[in-house]
Amino acid sequence: MKQKDKAPIHATLPNSGGLRRGFVARCLHPQWRALVLLLALQIVQTTASLWLPQLSAEVIDVGVARADRSYVLRITGNMLVLSLVQVAFAIAATVLGAAA
């Protein structure tokens, strides 16, 4: 193939407008409330997910080490509630993300 027969790579791509400046922002603007809510749901879900191992370690380090059954049951109940919150927020985030 001769040098002049080779077309530059950018010339072979279809010209669909691409991602012009502000294109993504214009597309997301009508959904900004849903996106902010989705971000908040994800933050709560992630925080709960990261908090559970800390509570588990606390049960072992404090409750089991002291043989304090009431402390173990109280923290375990908190862990159960936190797990339910995490599941609820994960489901809500998934539904909202699919709708958006």
C-alpha atoms as a PDB file:
ATOM      1  CA  MET A   1       0.000   0.000   0.000  1.00  0.00           C
ATOM      2  CA  LYS A   2       1.293   3.428  -0.834  1.00  0.00           C
ATOM      3  CA  GLN A   3       1.638   6.106   1.819  1.00  0.00           C
ATOM      4  CA  LYS A   4      -1.114   8.278   0.316  1.00  0.00           C
ATOM      5  CA  ASP A   5      -3.593   5.363   0.377  1.00  0.00           C
ATOM      6  CA  LYS A   6      -3.389   5.129   4.142  1.00  0.00           C
ATOM      7  CA  ALA A   7      -6.092   7.261   5.697  1.00  0.00           C
ATOM      8  CA  PRO A   8      -5.552   8.667   9.175  1.00  0.00           C
ATOM      9  CA  ILE A   9      -7.364   6.728  11.878  1.00  0.00           C
ATOM     10  CA  HIS A  10      -9.587   9.641  12.850  1.00  0.00           C
ATOM     11  CA  ALA A  11     -10.780   9.963   9.282  1.00  0.00           C
ATOM     12  CA  THR A  12     -12.164   6.420   9.276  1.00  0.00           C
ATOM     13  CA  LEU A  13     -14.352   6.898  12.313  1.00  0.00           C
ATOM     14  CA  PRO A  14     -17.942   7.938  11.695  1.00  0.00           C
ATOM     15  CA  ASN A  15     -18.621  11.550  12.524  1.00  0.00           C
ATOM     16  CA  SER A  16     -21.426  11.220  15.038  1.00  0.00           C
ATOM     17  CA  GLY A  17     -20.588  14.379  16.892  1.00  0.00           C
ATOM     18  CA  GLY A  18     -18.692  12.519  19.619  1.00  0.00           C
ATOM     19  CA  LEU A  19     -18.649  13.772  23.153  1.00  0.00           C
ATOM     20  CA  ARG A  20     -18.587  17.474  22.625  1.00  0.00           C
ATOM     21  CA  ARG A  21     -18.014  19.804  25.517  1.00  0.00           C
ATOM     22  CA  GLY A  22     -21.047  19.807  27.768  1.00  0.00           C
ATOM     23  CA  PHE A  23     -22.779  16.925  26.002  1.00  0.00           C
ATOM     24  CA  VAL A  24     -22.721  14.631  29.046  1.00  0.00           C
ATOM     25  CA  ALA A  25     -23.774  17.451  31.367  1.00  0.00           C
ATOM     26  CA  ARG A  26     -26.741  18.277  29.099  1.00  0.00           C
ATOM     27  CA  CYS A  27     -27.793  14.625  29.054  1.00  0.00           C
ATOM     28  CA  LEU A  28     -27.574  14.252  32.818  1.00  0.00           C
ATOM     29  CA  HIS A  29     -29.161  17.590  33.710  1.00  0.00           C
ATOM     30  CA  PRO A  30     -32.804  16.382  33.637  1.00  0.00           C
ATOM     31  CA  GLN A  31     -31.853  13.536  35.990  1.00  0.00           C
ATOM     32  CA  TRP A  32     -29.771  15.518  38.484  1.00  0.00           C
ATOM     33  CA  ARG A  33     -32.114  14.960  41.436  1.00  0.00           C
ATOM     34  CA  ALA A  34     -32.192  11.219  40.853  1.00  0.00           C
ATOM     35  CA  LEU A  35     -28.411  11.149  40.510  1.00  0.00           C
ATOM     36  CA  VAL A  36     -27.886  13.051  43.772  1.00  0.00           C
ATOM     37  CA  LEU A  37     -30.314  10.705  45.556  1.00  0.00           C
ATOM     38  CA  LEU A  38     -28.544   7.716  44.011  1.00  0.00           C
ATOM     39  CA  LEU A  39     -25.205   9.024  45.258  1.00  0.00           C
ATOM     40  CA  ALA A  40     -26.625   9.467  48.767  1.00  0.00           C
ATOM     41  CA  LEU A  41     -28.059   5.943  48.752  1.00  0.00           C
ATOM     42  CA  GLN A  42     -24.729   4.521  47.626  1.00  0.00           C
ATOM     43  CA  ILE A  43     -22.865   6.444  50.334  1.00  0.00           C
ATOM     44  CA  VAL A  44     -25.150   5.099  53.064  1.00  0.00           C
ATOM     45  CA  GLN A  45     -24.922   1.562  51.699  1.00  0.00           C
ATOM     46  CA  THR A  46     -21.124   1.685  51.467  1.00  0.00           C
ATOM     47  CA  THR A  47     -20.789   3.196  54.925  1.00  0.00           C
ATOM     48  CA  ALA A  48     -22.944   0.427  56.394  1.00  0.00           C
ATOM     49  CA  SER A  49     -20.942  -2.182  54.523  1.00  0.00           C
ATOM     50  CA  LEU A  50     -17.678  -0.809  55.891  1.00  0.00           C
ATOM     51  CA  TRP A  51     -19.037  -0.428  59.424  1.00  0.00           C
ATOM     52  CA  LEU A  52     -20.112  -4.066  59.846  1.00  0.00           C
ATOM     53  CA  PRO A  53     -16.577  -5.551  60.161  1.00  0.00           C
ATOM     54  CA  GLN A  54     -15.758  -2.907  62.778  1.00  0.00           C
ATOM     55  CA  LEU A  55     -18.784  -3.946  64.833  1.00  0.00           C
ATOM     56  CA  SER A  56     -17.882  -7.607  64.424  1.00  0.00           C
ATOM     57  CA  ALA A  57     -14.375  -6.952  65.723  1.00  0.00           C
ATOM     58  CA  GLU A  58     -15.859  -4.978  68.604  1.00  0.00           C
ATOM     59  CA  VAL A  59     -18.077  -7.922  69.566  1.00  0.00           C
ATOM     60  CA  ILE A  60     -15.038 -10.174  69.758  1.00  0.00           C
ATOM     61  CA  ASP A  61     -12.621  -7.697  71.339  1.00  0.00           C
ATOM     62  CA  VAL A  62     -14.989  -6.331  73.966  1.00  0.00           C
ATOM     63  CA  GLY A  63     -17.976  -8.625  74.392  1.00  0.00           C
ATOM     64  CA  VAL A  64     -16.342 -12.015  74.086  1.00  0.00           C
ATOM     65  CA  ALA A  65     -13.168 -10.945  75.888  1.00  0.00           C
ATOM     66  CA  ARG A  66     -15.201  -9.755  78.890  1.00  0.00           C
ATOM     67  CA  ALA A  67     -17.766 -12.553  78.593  1.00  0.00           C
ATOM     68  CA  ASP A  68     -20.464  -9.871  78.521  1.00  0.00           C
ATOM     69  CA  ARG A  69     -23.463 -11.566  76.944  1.00  0.00           C
ATOM     70  CA  SER A  70     -25.699  -8.476  77.010  1.00  0.00           C
ATOM     71  CA  TYR A  71     -23.060  -6.429  75.168  1.00  0.00           C
ATOM     72  CA  VAL A  72     -22.669  -9.144  72.518  1.00  0.00           C
ATOM     73  CA  LEU A  73     -26.431  -9.342  72.007  1.00  0.00           C
ATOM     74  CA  ARG A  74     -26.803  -5.542  71.839  1.00  0.00           C
ATOM     75  CA  ILE A  75     -24.028  -5.094  69.258  1.00  0.00           C
ATOM     76  CA  THR A  76     -25.239  -8.114  67.293  1.00  0.00           C
ATOM     77  CA  GLY A  77     -28.721  -6.546  67.182  1.00  0.00           C
ATOM     78  CA  ASN A  78     -27.163  -3.321  65.934  1.00  0.00           C
ATOM     79  CA  MET A  79     -25.349  -5.327  63.267  1.00  0.00           C
ATOM     80  CA  LEU A  80     -28.619  -6.944  62.191  1.00  0.00           C
ATOM     81  CA  VAL A  81     -30.354  -3.562  61.889  1.00  0.00           C
ATOM     82  CA  LEU A  82     -27.368  -2.159  59.992  1.00  0.00           C
ATOM     83  CA  SER A  83     -27.454  -5.128  57.606  1.00  0.00           C
ATOM     84  CA  LEU A  84     -31.148  -4.554  56.932  1.00  0.00           C
ATOM     85  CA  VAL A  85     -30.479  -0.863  56.289  1.00  0.00           C
ATOM     86  CA  GLN A  86     -27.697  -1.809  53.897  1.00  0.00           C
ATOM     87  CA  VAL A  87     -29.943  -4.208  51.988  1.00  0.00           C
ATOM     88  CA  ALA A  88     -32.782  -1.679  51.804  1.00  0.00           C
ATOM     89  CA  PHE A  89     -30.514   1.069  50.507  1.00  0.00           C
ATOM     90  CA  ALA A  90     -28.889  -1.300  47.999  1.00  0.00           C
ATOM     91  CA  ILE A  91     -32.302  -2.274  46.625  1.00  0.00           C
ATOM     92  CA  ALA A  92     -33.410   1.366  46.483  1.00  0.00           C
ATOM     93  CA  ALA A  93     -30.198   2.372  44.707  1.00  0.00           C
ATOM     94  CA  THR A  94     -30.599  -0.423  42.170  1.00  0.00           C
ATOM     95  CA  VAL A  95     -34.227   0.473  41.432  1.00  0.00           C
ATOM     96  CA  LEU A  96     -33.458   4.180  41.177  1.00  0.00           C
ATOM     97  CA  GLY A  97     -30.408   3.558  38.991  1.00  0.00           C
ATOM     98  CA  ALA A  98     -32.442   1.396  36.633  1.00  0.00           C
ATOM     99  CA  ALA A  99     -35.203   3.996  36.446  1.00  0.00           C
ATOM    100  CA  ALA A 100     -32.780   6.842  35.786  1.00  0.00           C
END
